[in-house]
Amino acid sequence: ETIEQEFAELARKAIAQVEKTGKEYWLKELNPRDRRFVHMEIAKHDTVESRSEGQGRNRRLCIYPV
């Protein structure tokens, strides 16, 4: 399994959680490359969007319902 596949799977699990609960879901701190993989997977779905917040090492990714 590649790193891209690993983070795509992480994104899919987070998407399922957001769709189930209707609440935003925060991922742990990820490096810029890994956040990019997650953002790319999120972009494939119409029911959720993502944003990054914070600075430097404290930057986190939020997945939220549309």
N, C-alpha and C. Protein backbone atom coordinates (compact mmCIF):
# COMPACT_ATOMS: atom_id res chain seq x y z
N GLU A 1 0.85 -1.19 0.00
CA GLU A 1 0.00 0.00 0.00
C GLU A 1 0.89 1.25 0.00
N THR A 2 0.61 2.15 -0.89
CA THR A 2 1.41 3.37 -0.98
C THR A 2 0.94 4.39 0.05
N ILE A 3 1.75 5.39 0.26
CA ILE A 3 1.39 6.46 1.20
C ILE A 3 0.12 7.18 0.73
N GLU A 4 -0.01 7.34 -0.60
CA GLU A 4 -1.22 7.97 -1.14
C GLU A 4 -2.45 7.15 -0.80
N GLN A 5 -2.35 5.84 -0.95
CA GLN A 5 -3.48 4.97 -0.65
C GLN A 5 -3.82 5.00 0.85
N GLU A 6 -2.79 5.05 1.66
CA GLU A 6 -2.99 5.09 3.11
C GLU A 6 -3.76 6.34 3.53
N PHE A 7 -3.38 7.49 2.97
CA PHE A 7 -4.08 8.72 3.33
C PHE A 7 -5.43 8.84 2.65
N ALA A 8 -5.59 8.24 1.48
CA ALA A 8 -6.91 8.20 0.85
C ALA A 8 -7.88 7.39 1.72
N GLU A 9 -7.39 6.30 2.30
CA GLU A 9 -8.22 5.48 3.18
C GLU A 9 -8.56 6.25 4.47
N LEU A 10 -7.59 6.98 5.01
CA LEU A 10 -7.84 7.82 6.17
C LEU A 10 -8.93 8.84 5.85
N ALA A 11 -8.84 9.45 4.68
CA ALA A 11 -9.84 10.43 4.26
C ALA A 11 -11.22 9.79 4.13
N ARG A 12 -11.29 8.61 3.53
CA ARG A 12 -12.59 7.93 3.36
C ARG A 12 -13.24 7.61 4.70
N LYS A 13 -12.43 7.21 5.67
CA LYS A 13 -12.98 6.92 7.01
C LYS A 13 -13.50 8.21 7.65
N ALA A 14 -12.77 9.29 7.49
CA ALA A 14 -13.20 10.58 8.05
C ALA A 14 -14.47 11.06 7.35
N ILE A 15 -14.55 10.88 6.04
CA ILE A 15 -15.75 11.26 5.28
C ILE A 15 -16.95 10.49 5.81
N ALA A 16 -16.80 9.20 6.02
CA ALA A 16 -17.90 8.38 6.53
C ALA A 16 -18.35 8.89 7.90
N GLN A 17 -17.40 9.27 8.74
CA GLN A 17 -17.73 9.80 10.06
C GLN A 17 -18.52 11.11 9.95
N VAL A 18 -18.08 12.00 9.08
CA VAL A 18 -18.76 13.29 8.90
C VAL A 18 -20.15 13.07 8.34
N GLU A 19 -20.28 12.18 7.37
CA GLU A 19 -21.59 11.90 6.79
C GLU A 19 -22.53 11.29 7.83
N LYS A 20 -22.00 10.44 8.69
CA LYS A 20 -22.81 9.77 9.71
C LYS A 20 -23.29 10.75 10.78
N THR A 21 -22.38 11.62 11.24
CA THR A 21 -22.69 12.49 12.37
C THR A 21 -23.18 13.88 11.97
N GLY A 22 -22.81 14.32 10.75
CA GLY A 22 -23.14 15.67 10.33
C GLY A 22 -22.28 16.73 11.00
N LYS A 23 -21.20 16.28 11.67
CA LYS A 23 -20.31 17.21 12.38
C LYS A 23 -18.93 17.20 11.75
N GLU A 24 -18.21 18.30 11.95
CA GLU A 24 -16.85 18.36 11.41
C GLU A 24 -15.95 17.38 12.14
N TYR A 25 -14.90 16.98 11.45
CA TYR A 25 -13.96 15.99 11.97
C TYR A 25 -12.55 16.53 11.75
N TRP A 26 -11.77 16.59 12.82
CA TRP A 26 -10.41 17.11 12.74
C TRP A 26 -9.41 15.96 12.70
N LEU A 27 -8.47 16.04 11.77
CA LEU A 27 -7.39 15.06 11.71
C LEU A 27 -6.20 15.58 12.50
N LYS A 28 -5.39 14.66 12.96
CA LYS A 28 -4.16 15.03 13.66
C LYS A 28 -3.26 15.85 12.75
N GLU A 29 -2.23 16.40 13.32
CA GLU A 29 -1.27 17.17 12.54
C GLU A 29 -0.65 16.27 11.46
N LEU A 30 -0.66 16.77 10.24
CA LEU A 30 -0.07 16.05 9.11
C LEU A 30 0.93 16.97 8.43
N ASN A 31 1.93 16.39 7.81
CA ASN A 31 2.85 17.24 7.05
C ASN A 31 2.14 17.70 5.78
N PRO A 32 2.66 18.73 5.12
CA PRO A 32 1.98 19.30 3.95
C PRO A 32 1.67 18.28 2.85
N ARG A 33 2.58 17.38 2.58
CA ARG A 33 2.35 16.37 1.54
C ARG A 33 1.16 15.48 1.89
N ASP A 34 1.10 15.04 3.14
CA ASP A 34 0.02 14.15 3.55
C ASP A 34 -1.32 14.87 3.58
N ARG A 35 -1.31 16.15 4.03
CA ARG A 35 -2.56 16.93 3.98
C ARG A 35 -3.04 17.06 2.55
N ARG A 36 -2.13 17.22 1.62
CA ARG A 36 -2.50 17.34 0.20
C ARG A 36 -3.21 16.08 -0.28
N PHE A 37 -2.69 14.90 0.10
CA PHE A 37 -3.34 13.64 -0.29
C PHE A 37 -4.77 13.59 0.24
N VAL A 38 -4.97 14.02 1.48
CA VAL A 38 -6.31 14.00 2.08
C VAL A 38 -7.21 15.00 1.37
N HIS A 39 -6.72 16.22 1.15
CA HIS A 39 -7.52 17.24 0.45
C HIS A 39 -7.94 16.73 -0.94
N MET A 40 -7.04 16.05 -1.64
CA MET A 40 -7.35 15.54 -2.99
C MET A 40 -8.46 14.50 -2.93
N GLU A 41 -8.45 13.64 -1.93
CA GLU A 41 -9.49 12.62 -1.78
C GLU A 41 -10.82 13.29 -1.42
N ILE A 42 -10.78 14.27 -0.53
CA ILE A 42 -12.00 14.98 -0.12
C ILE A 42 -12.65 15.66 -1.33
N ALA A 43 -11.82 16.21 -2.21
CA ALA A 43 -12.32 16.94 -3.38
C ALA A 43 -13.16 16.06 -4.31
N LYS A 44 -13.01 14.75 -4.21
CA LYS A 44 -13.77 13.80 -5.05
C LYS A 44 -15.21 13.62 -4.56
N HIS A 45 -15.53 14.14 -3.39
CA HIS A 45 -16.83 13.90 -2.77
C HIS A 45 -17.65 15.18 -2.69
N ASP A 46 -18.93 15.07 -3.00
CA ASP A 46 -19.82 16.23 -3.00
C ASP A 46 -20.40 16.56 -1.63
N THR A 47 -20.32 15.63 -0.70
CA THR A 47 -21.00 15.80 0.59
C THR A 47 -20.13 16.48 1.65
N VAL A 48 -18.82 16.57 1.39
CA VAL A 48 -17.90 17.14 2.38
C VAL A 48 -16.89 18.07 1.71
N GLU A 49 -16.31 18.93 2.53
CA GLU A 49 -15.21 19.79 2.09
C GLU A 49 -14.14 19.74 3.16
N SER A 50 -12.98 20.31 2.85
CA SER A 50 -11.90 20.31 3.84
C SER A 50 -11.21 21.66 3.85
N ARG A 51 -10.59 21.93 5.00
CA ARG A 51 -9.78 23.14 5.13
C ARG A 51 -8.65 22.84 6.11
N SER A 52 -7.57 23.57 5.98
CA SER A 52 -6.47 23.46 6.93
C SER A 52 -6.44 24.73 7.76
N GLU A 53 -6.16 24.55 9.04
CA GLU A 53 -6.08 25.69 9.96
C GLU A 53 -4.87 25.53 10.85
N GLY A 54 -4.33 26.64 11.28
CA GLY A 54 -3.18 26.63 12.17
C GLY A 54 -1.91 27.00 11.43
N GLN A 55 -0.83 27.04 12.18
CA GLN A 55 0.45 27.45 11.62
C GLN A 55 1.51 26.38 11.89
N GLY A 56 2.40 26.22 10.94
CA GLY A 56 3.55 25.34 11.12
C GLY A 56 3.18 23.94 11.53
N ARG A 57 3.84 23.45 12.57
CA ARG A 57 3.63 22.08 13.03
C ARG A 57 2.24 21.87 13.63
N ASN A 58 1.57 22.95 13.96
CA ASN A 58 0.23 22.85 14.56
C ASN A 58 -0.88 22.93 13.53
N ARG A 59 -0.56 22.91 12.25
CA ARG A 59 -1.57 22.99 11.20
C ARG A 59 -2.34 21.67 11.16
N ARG A 60 -3.68 21.78 11.22
CA ARG A 60 -4.54 20.60 11.22
C ARG A 60 -5.55 20.70 10.08
N LEU A 61 -6.10 19.58 9.73
CA LEU A 61 -7.05 19.49 8.65
C LEU A 61 -8.43 19.18 9.20
N CYS A 62 -9.41 19.94 8.75
CA CYS A 62 -10.80 19.74 9.16
C CYS A 62 -11.62 19.30 7.96
N ILE A 63 -12.41 18.27 8.17
CA ILE A 63 -13.35 17.80 7.16
C ILE A 63 -14.74 18.11 7.70
N TYR A 64 -15.58 18.72 6.88
CA TYR A 64 -16.88 19.16 7.36
C TYR A 64 -17.94 18.95 6.29
N PRO A 65 -19.21 18.82 6.72
CA PRO A 65 -20.29 18.61 5.75
C PRO A 65 -20.54 19.88 4.93
N VAL A 66 -21.00 19.68 3.71
CA VAL A 66 -21.33 20.81 2.84
C VAL A 66 -22.68 21.36 3.24
